[in-house]
C-alpha atoms as a PDB file:
ATOM      1  CA  UNK A   1      -5.013  -0.254 -25.010  1.00  0.00           C
ATOM      2  CA  UNK A   2      -5.864  -0.429 -21.303  1.00  0.00           C
ATOM      3  CA  UNK A   3      -7.903  -3.341 -19.993  1.00  0.00           C
ATOM      4  CA  UNK A   4     -10.549  -2.963 -17.285  1.00  0.00           C
ATOM      5  CA  UNK A   5      -8.266  -4.734 -14.793  1.00  0.00           C
ATOM      6  CA  UNK A   6      -5.363  -2.385 -15.489  1.00  0.00           C
ATOM      7  CA  UNK A   7      -7.630   0.648 -15.189  1.00  0.00           C
ATOM      8  CA  UNK A   8      -8.952  -0.543 -11.822  1.00  0.00           C
ATOM      9  CA  UNK A   9      -5.594  -1.434 -10.275  1.00  0.00           C
ATOM     10  CA  UNK A  10      -4.763   0.462  -7.084  1.00  0.00           C
ATOM     11  CA  UNK A  11      -1.104   1.458  -7.042  1.00  0.00           C
ATOM     12  CA  UNK A  12       0.843   3.269  -4.379  1.00  0.00           C
ATOM     13  CA  UNK A  13       4.402   4.093  -5.304  1.00  0.00           C
ATOM     14  CA  UNK A  14       7.243   5.268  -3.075  1.00  0.00           C
ATOM     15  CA  UNK A  15       4.972   5.940  -0.110  1.00  0.00           C
ATOM     16  CA  UNK A  16       6.163   7.036   3.308  1.00  0.00           C
ATOM     17  CA  UNK A  17       4.464   7.148   6.709  1.00  0.00           C
ATOM     18  CA  UNK A  18       5.333   9.799   9.293  1.00  0.00           C
ATOM     19  CA  UNK A  19       4.198  10.422  12.849  1.00  0.00           C
ATOM     20  CA  UNK A  20       5.237  13.955  13.601  1.00  0.00           C
ATOM     21  CA  UNK A  21       8.742  14.192  12.208  1.00  0.00           C
ATOM     22  CA  UNK A  22       9.532  10.507  12.742  1.00  0.00           C
ATOM     23  CA  UNK A  23       9.579   8.509   9.494  1.00  0.00           C
ATOM     24  CA  UNK A  24       8.118   5.081  10.232  1.00  0.00           C
ATOM     25  CA  UNK A  25       8.134   3.715   6.677  1.00  0.00           C
ATOM     26  CA  UNK A  26       9.980   4.947   3.612  1.00  0.00           C
ATOM     27  CA  UNK A  27       9.794   4.140  -0.106  1.00  0.00           C
ATOM     28  CA  UNK A  28       7.061   1.489   0.106  1.00  0.00           C
ATOM     29  CA  UNK A  29       5.164   0.491  -3.057  1.00  0.00           C
ATOM     30  CA  UNK A  30       2.226  -1.843  -3.644  1.00  0.00           C
ATOM     31  CA  UNK A  31      -0.069  -2.699  -6.531  1.00  0.00           C
ATOM     32  CA  UNK A  32      -3.490  -4.280  -5.916  1.00  0.00           C
ATOM     33  CA  UNK A  33      -5.629  -5.890  -8.620  1.00  0.00           C
ATOM     34  CA  UNK A  34      -9.429  -6.129  -8.236  1.00  0.00           C
ATOM     35  CA  UNK A  35     -11.086  -9.506  -7.676  1.00  0.00           C
ATOM     36  CA  UNK A  36      -7.933 -11.017  -6.200  1.00  0.00           C
ATOM     37  CA  UNK A  37      -6.775 -11.794  -2.679  1.00  0.00           C
ATOM     38  CA  UNK A  38      -3.526 -10.114  -1.697  1.00  0.00           C
ATOM     39  CA  UNK A  39      -1.560 -10.931   1.428  1.00  0.00           C
ATOM     40  CA  UNK A  40       0.917  -8.680   3.178  1.00  0.00           C
ATOM     41  CA  UNK A  41       3.479 -10.708   5.122  1.00  0.00           C
ATOM     42  CA  UNK A  42       6.582  -9.916   7.078  1.00  0.00           C
ATOM     43  CA  UNK A  43       8.210 -10.278  10.478  1.00  0.00           C
ATOM     44  CA  UNK A  44       6.927  -8.621  13.636  1.00  0.00           C
ATOM     45  CA  UNK A  45       7.740  -4.925  13.619  1.00  0.00           C
ATOM     46  CA  UNK A  46       8.111  -4.712   9.834  1.00  0.00           C
ATOM     47  CA  UNK A  47       5.374  -2.072   9.486  1.00  0.00           C
ATOM     48  CA  UNK A  48       2.490  -4.113   8.048  1.00  0.00           C
ATOM     49  CA  UNK A  49      -0.168  -2.506  10.262  1.00  0.00           C
ATOM     50  CA  UNK A  50       1.431   0.926   9.928  1.00  0.00           C
ATOM     51  CA  UNK A  51       1.168   0.736   6.116  1.00  0.00           C
ATOM     52  CA  UNK A  52      -2.458  -0.466   6.230  1.00  0.00           C
ATOM     53  CA  UNK A  53      -3.747   2.976   7.326  1.00  0.00           C
ATOM     54  CA  UNK A  54      -2.496   4.994   4.313  1.00  0.00           C
ATOM     55  CA  UNK A  55      -3.368   2.110   1.998  1.00  0.00           C
ATOM     56  CA  UNK A  56      -6.953   2.066   3.274  1.00  0.00           C
ATOM     57  CA  UNK A  57      -7.270   5.865   3.084  1.00  0.00           C
ATOM     58  CA  UNK A  58      -6.133   5.932  -0.548  1.00  0.00           C
ATOM     59  CA  UNK A  59      -8.807   3.421  -1.610  1.00  0.00           C
ATOM     60  CA  UNK A  60     -11.720   5.687  -0.595  1.00  0.00           C
END
């Protein structure tokens, strides 16, 4: 049986981000649950802002 929370979870698995032929991020996965606050942390240059674009596009 699937709960409402499980059905509404946004999951991206093994995602990659390319600009032209340059691979900026590879094999990135994230799972977001509704009605929660999720933080994305990491050092400068880790790709946090780069990953935000595809993540935002997939939630539309």
